[in-house]
């Protein structure tokens, strides 16, 4: 089958298939006389395996290791489990980092005056500055500061 058909059957894009070939995760397919890549059922099964591993967030290195384990009939389930446990630990660290980032962004969003005010804590922090705490009545103060007495 052609690359487009293999992509549809596996759930990968043609670009991803070519990338996985370049990375050595997929073998280079035979070519038809026309020059088109020619994939078989075993290639598509391997593509599906890679797509599912990617869906679980495994890295290219881990996917390569998993493929090696899949093809090794003398593999130890403990090795597969250890690799997966390591991946779960990395996911847990990433989740903690994401929760921290979310909390920080939520605080910055609360500190951003919004509306027509020029003050924005989000931009200040992104620009490398520190958040200047504005009093709750900062919008009223800004109005009175510009009102002639």
C-alpha atoms as a PDB file:
ATOM      1  CA  UNK A   1       0.000   0.000   0.000  1.00  0.00           C
ATOM      2  CA  UNK A   2       1.092   3.597  -0.588  1.00  0.00           C
ATOM      3  CA  UNK A   3       2.117   5.924   2.224  1.00  0.00           C
ATOM      4  CA  UNK A   4      -1.261   7.694   2.294  1.00  0.00           C
ATOM      5  CA  UNK A   5      -3.061   4.399   2.730  1.00  0.00           C
ATOM      6  CA  UNK A   6      -0.617   3.330   5.451  1.00  0.00           C
ATOM      7  CA  UNK A   7      -1.131   6.671   7.171  1.00  0.00           C
ATOM      8  CA  UNK A   8      -4.903   6.245   7.161  1.00  0.00           C
ATOM      9  CA  UNK A   9      -4.665   2.652   8.367  1.00  0.00           C
ATOM     10  CA  UNK A  10      -2.235   3.473  11.181  1.00  0.00           C
ATOM     11  CA  UNK A  11      -3.525   6.853  12.327  1.00  0.00           C
ATOM     12  CA  UNK A  12      -0.178   8.532  11.616  1.00  0.00           C
ATOM     13  CA  UNK A  13       0.430  11.336   9.156  1.00  0.00           C
ATOM     14  CA  UNK A  14       2.606  10.780   6.111  1.00  0.00           C
ATOM     15  CA  UNK A  15       5.046  13.318   7.551  1.00  0.00           C
ATOM     16  CA  UNK A  16       5.294  11.327  10.799  1.00  0.00           C
ATOM     17  CA  UNK A  17       5.850   8.092   8.886  1.00  0.00           C
ATOM     18  CA  UNK A  18       8.731   9.661   6.967  1.00  0.00           C
ATOM     19  CA  UNK A  19      10.128  11.078  10.219  1.00  0.00           C
ATOM     20  CA  UNK A  20       9.983   7.669  11.920  1.00  0.00           C
ATOM     21  CA  UNK A  21      11.776   6.188   8.916  1.00  0.00           C
ATOM     22  CA  UNK A  22      14.500   8.848   9.218  1.00  0.00           C
ATOM     23  CA  UNK A  23      14.793   8.085  12.952  1.00  0.00           C
ATOM     24  CA  UNK A  24      15.099   4.355  12.292  1.00  0.00           C
ATOM     25  CA  UNK A  25      11.848   3.465  14.057  1.00  0.00           C
ATOM     26  CA  UNK A  26      10.398   2.230  10.789  1.00  0.00           C
ATOM     27  CA  UNK A  27      12.383   0.343   8.180  1.00  0.00           C
ATOM     28  CA  UNK A  28      12.738   1.945   4.769  1.00  0.00           C
ATOM     29  CA  UNK A  29       9.983   0.423   2.657  1.00  0.00           C
ATOM     30  CA  UNK A  30      10.410  -1.203  -0.692  1.00  0.00           C
ATOM     31  CA  UNK A  31       9.708   1.035  -3.655  1.00  0.00           C
ATOM     32  CA  UNK A  32       7.372   0.342  -6.511  1.00  0.00           C
ATOM     33  CA  UNK A  33       8.545   0.815 -10.079  1.00  0.00           C
ATOM     34  CA  UNK A  34       6.798   4.182  -9.956  1.00  0.00           C
ATOM     35  CA  UNK A  35       8.991   5.174  -6.997  1.00  0.00           C
ATOM     36  CA  UNK A  36       6.146   5.147  -4.465  1.00  0.00           C
ATOM     37  CA  UNK A  37       6.814   3.601  -1.085  1.00  0.00           C
ATOM     38  CA  UNK A  38       5.192   0.199  -0.691  1.00  0.00           C
ATOM     39  CA  UNK A  39       4.071  -0.771   2.819  1.00  0.00           C
ATOM     40  CA  UNK A  40       2.799  -4.121   4.021  1.00  0.00           C
ATOM     41  CA  UNK A  41       0.592  -5.188   6.901  1.00  0.00           C
ATOM     42  CA  UNK A  42       3.586  -5.696   9.207  1.00  0.00           C
ATOM     43  CA  UNK A  43       4.673  -2.094   8.539  1.00  0.00           C
ATOM     44  CA  UNK A  44       1.218  -0.809   9.428  1.00  0.00           C
ATOM     45  CA  UNK A  45       1.177  -2.893  12.623  1.00  0.00           C
ATOM     46  CA  UNK A  46       4.490  -1.313  13.601  1.00  0.00           C
ATOM     47  CA  UNK A  47       3.090   2.143  12.800  1.00  0.00           C
ATOM     48  CA  UNK A  48       0.067   1.489  15.012  1.00  0.00           C
ATOM     49  CA  UNK A  49       2.399   0.376  17.818  1.00  0.00           C
ATOM     50  CA  UNK A  50       4.392   3.609  17.442  1.00  0.00           C
ATOM     51  CA  UNK A  51       1.261   5.760  17.342  1.00  0.00           C
ATOM     52  CA  UNK A  52      -0.063   4.179  20.507  1.00  0.00           C
ATOM     53  CA  UNK A  53       3.303   4.554  22.258  1.00  0.00           C
ATOM     54  CA  UNK A  54       3.377   8.217  21.195  1.00  0.00           C
ATOM     55  CA  UNK A  55      -0.204   8.650  22.441  1.00  0.00           C
ATOM     56  CA  UNK A  56       1.035   7.489  25.856  1.00  0.00           C
ATOM     57  CA  UNK A  57       3.766  10.113  25.678  1.00  0.00           C
ATOM     58  CA  UNK A  58       6.772   7.839  25.294  1.00  0.00           C
ATOM     59  CA  UNK A  59       9.866   9.569  23.905  1.00  0.00           C
ATOM     60  CA  UNK A  60      11.548   8.462  20.673  1.00  0.00           C
ATOM     61  CA  UNK A  61      14.247   6.771  22.736  1.00  0.00           C
ATOM     62  CA  UNK A  62      11.654   4.921  24.800  1.00  0.00           C
ATOM     63  CA  UNK A  63       9.718   3.988  21.671  1.00  0.00           C
ATOM     64  CA  UNK A  64      12.920   2.547  20.204  1.00  0.00           C
ATOM     65  CA  UNK A  65      13.459   0.528  23.397  1.00  0.00           C
ATOM     66  CA  UNK A  66       9.853  -0.686  23.392  1.00  0.00           C
ATOM     67  CA  UNK A  67      10.161  -1.781  19.774  1.00  0.00           C
ATOM     68  CA  UNK A  68      13.304  -3.698  20.663  1.00  0.00           C
ATOM     69  CA  UNK A  69      11.476  -5.377  23.507  1.00  0.00           C
ATOM     70  CA  UNK A  70       8.498  -6.161  21.280  1.00  0.00           C
ATOM     71  CA  UNK A  71      10.742  -7.885  18.762  1.00  0.00           C
ATOM     72  CA  UNK A  72      12.830  -9.712  21.396  1.00  0.00           C
ATOM     73  CA  UNK A  73      11.117 -13.003  22.110  1.00  0.00           C
ATOM     74  CA  UNK A  74      13.410 -13.470  25.115  1.00  0.00           C
ATOM     75  CA  UNK A  75      12.433 -10.135  26.649  1.00  0.00           C
ATOM     76  CA  UNK A  76      11.666  -9.831  30.307  1.00  0.00           C
ATOM     77  CA  UNK A  77       8.345  -8.313  31.263  1.00  0.00           C
ATOM     78  CA  UNK A  78      10.176  -6.716  34.181  1.00  0.00           C
ATOM     79  CA  UNK A  79      12.229  -4.648  31.732  1.00  0.00           C
ATOM     80  CA  UNK A  80       9.098  -3.396  29.995  1.00  0.00           C
ATOM     81  CA  UNK A  81       7.563  -2.618  33.363  1.00  0.00           C
ATOM     82  CA  UNK A  82      10.672  -0.772  34.571  1.00  0.00           C
ATOM     83  CA  UNK A  83      10.720   1.396  31.450  1.00  0.00           C
ATOM     84  CA  UNK A  84       7.033   2.179  31.926  1.00  0.00           C
ATOM     85  CA  UNK A  85       7.455   2.980  35.623  1.00  0.00           C
ATOM     86  CA  UNK A  86      10.255   5.378  34.710  1.00  0.00           C
ATOM     87  CA  UNK A  87       7.963   6.992  32.151  1.00  0.00           C
ATOM     88  CA  UNK A  88       5.174   7.348  34.732  1.00  0.00           C
ATOM     89  CA  UNK A  89       7.604   9.031  37.125  1.00  0.00           C
ATOM     90  CA  UNK A  90       8.566  11.504  34.393  1.00  0.00           C
ATOM     91  CA  UNK A  91       4.883  12.161  33.683  1.00  0.00           C
ATOM     92  CA  UNK A  92       4.296  12.785  37.389  1.00  0.00           C
ATOM     93  CA  UNK A  93       7.139  15.350  37.428  1.00  0.00           C
ATOM     94  CA  UNK A  94       5.712  17.020  34.333  1.00  0.00           C
ATOM     95  CA  UNK A  95       2.246  17.116  35.888  1.00  0.00           C
ATOM     96  CA  UNK A  96       3.644  18.754  39.019  1.00  0.00           C
ATOM     97  CA  UNK A  97       5.452  21.327  36.872  1.00  0.00           C
ATOM     98  CA  UNK A  98       2.276  22.005  34.892  1.00  0.00           C
ATOM     99  CA  UNK A  99       0.246  22.437  38.092  1.00  0.00           C
ATOM    100  CA  UNK A 100       2.843  24.898  39.371  1.00  0.00           C
ATOM    101  CA  UNK A 101       2.812  26.836  36.098  1.00  0.00           C
ATOM    102  CA  UNK A 102      -0.967  26.928  36.135  1.00  0.00           C
ATOM    103  CA  UNK A 103      -1.020  28.260  39.686  1.00  0.00           C
ATOM    104  CA  UNK A 104       1.532  30.934  38.812  1.00  0.00           C
ATOM    105  CA  UNK A 105      -0.427  31.980  35.716  1.00  0.00           C
ATOM    106  CA  UNK A 106      -3.641  32.109  37.730  1.00  0.00           C
ATOM    107  CA  UNK A 107      -1.944  34.434  40.245  1.00  0.00           C
ATOM    108  CA  UNK A 108      -0.609  36.625  37.443  1.00  0.00           C
ATOM    109  CA  UNK A 109      -4.030  36.756  35.828  1.00  0.00           C
ATOM    110  CA  UNK A 110      -5.516  37.928  39.121  1.00  0.00           C
ATOM    111  CA  UNK A 111      -2.754  40.555  39.459  1.00  0.00           C
ATOM    112  CA  UNK A 112      -3.361  41.886  35.943  1.00  0.00           C
ATOM    113  CA  UNK A 113      -5.600  44.941  36.115  1.00  0.00           C
ATOM    114  CA  UNK A 114      -7.324  44.143  32.847  1.00  0.00           C
ATOM    115  CA  UNK A 115      -9.708  46.577  31.205  1.00  0.00           C
ATOM    116  CA  UNK A 116      -8.205  49.808  29.900  1.00  0.00           C
ATOM    117  CA  UNK A 117      -5.398  49.899  32.462  1.00  0.00           C
ATOM    118  CA  UNK A 118      -1.862  49.828  31.110  1.00  0.00           C
ATOM    119  CA  UNK A 119      -0.651  47.754  34.077  1.00  0.00           C
ATOM    120  CA  UNK A 120      -0.357  44.053  33.300  1.00  0.00           C
ATOM    121  CA  UNK A 121       1.473  41.752  35.690  1.00  0.00           C
ATOM    122  CA  UNK A 122       1.580  39.033  33.044  1.00  0.00           C
ATOM    123  CA  UNK A 123       3.627  41.176  30.652  1.00  0.00           C
ATOM    124  CA  UNK A 124       5.841  42.441  33.480  1.00  0.00           C
ATOM    125  CA  UNK A 125       6.797  38.932  34.518  1.00  0.00           C
ATOM    126  CA  UNK A 126       7.313  37.766  30.932  1.00  0.00           C
ATOM    127  CA  UNK A 127       9.581  40.767  30.386  1.00  0.00           C
ATOM    128  CA  UNK A 128      11.683  39.659  33.351  1.00  0.00           C
ATOM    129  CA  UNK A 129      10.343  42.062  35.929  1.00  0.00           C
ATOM    130  CA  UNK A 130       8.650  41.502  39.204  1.00  0.00           C
ATOM    131  CA  UNK A 131       4.969  41.930  39.803  1.00  0.00           C
ATOM    132  CA  UNK A 132       4.206  45.243  41.447  1.00  0.00           C
ATOM    133  CA  UNK A 133       1.287  44.616  43.745  1.00  0.00           C
ATOM    134  CA  UNK A 134      -1.534  46.980  43.039  1.00  0.00           C
ATOM    135  CA  UNK A 135      -4.020  47.783  45.776  1.00  0.00           C
ATOM    136  CA  UNK A 136      -7.547  46.600  45.202  1.00  0.00           C
ATOM    137  CA  UNK A 137      -8.664  50.173  44.568  1.00  0.00           C
ATOM    138  CA  UNK A 138      -5.917  50.824  41.990  1.00  0.00           C
ATOM    139  CA  UNK A 139      -8.424  51.542  39.232  1.00  0.00           C
ATOM    140  CA  UNK A 140     -10.068  54.239  41.378  1.00  0.00           C
ATOM    141  CA  UNK A 141      -6.670  55.677  42.333  1.00  0.00           C
ATOM    142  CA  UNK A 142      -5.623  55.820  38.681  1.00  0.00           C
ATOM    143  CA  UNK A 143      -8.762  57.809  37.885  1.00  0.00           C
ATOM    144  CA  UNK A 144      -8.230  60.289  40.743  1.00  0.00           C
ATOM    145  CA  UNK A 145      -4.557  60.742  39.872  1.00  0.00           C
ATOM    146  CA  UNK A 146      -5.497  62.053  36.436  1.00  0.00           C
ATOM    147  CA  UNK A 147      -8.382  64.205  37.658  1.00  0.00           C
ATOM    148  CA  UNK A 148      -7.397  67.851  38.021  1.00  0.00           C
ATOM    149  CA  UNK A 149      -8.088  69.278  41.470  1.00  0.00           C
END
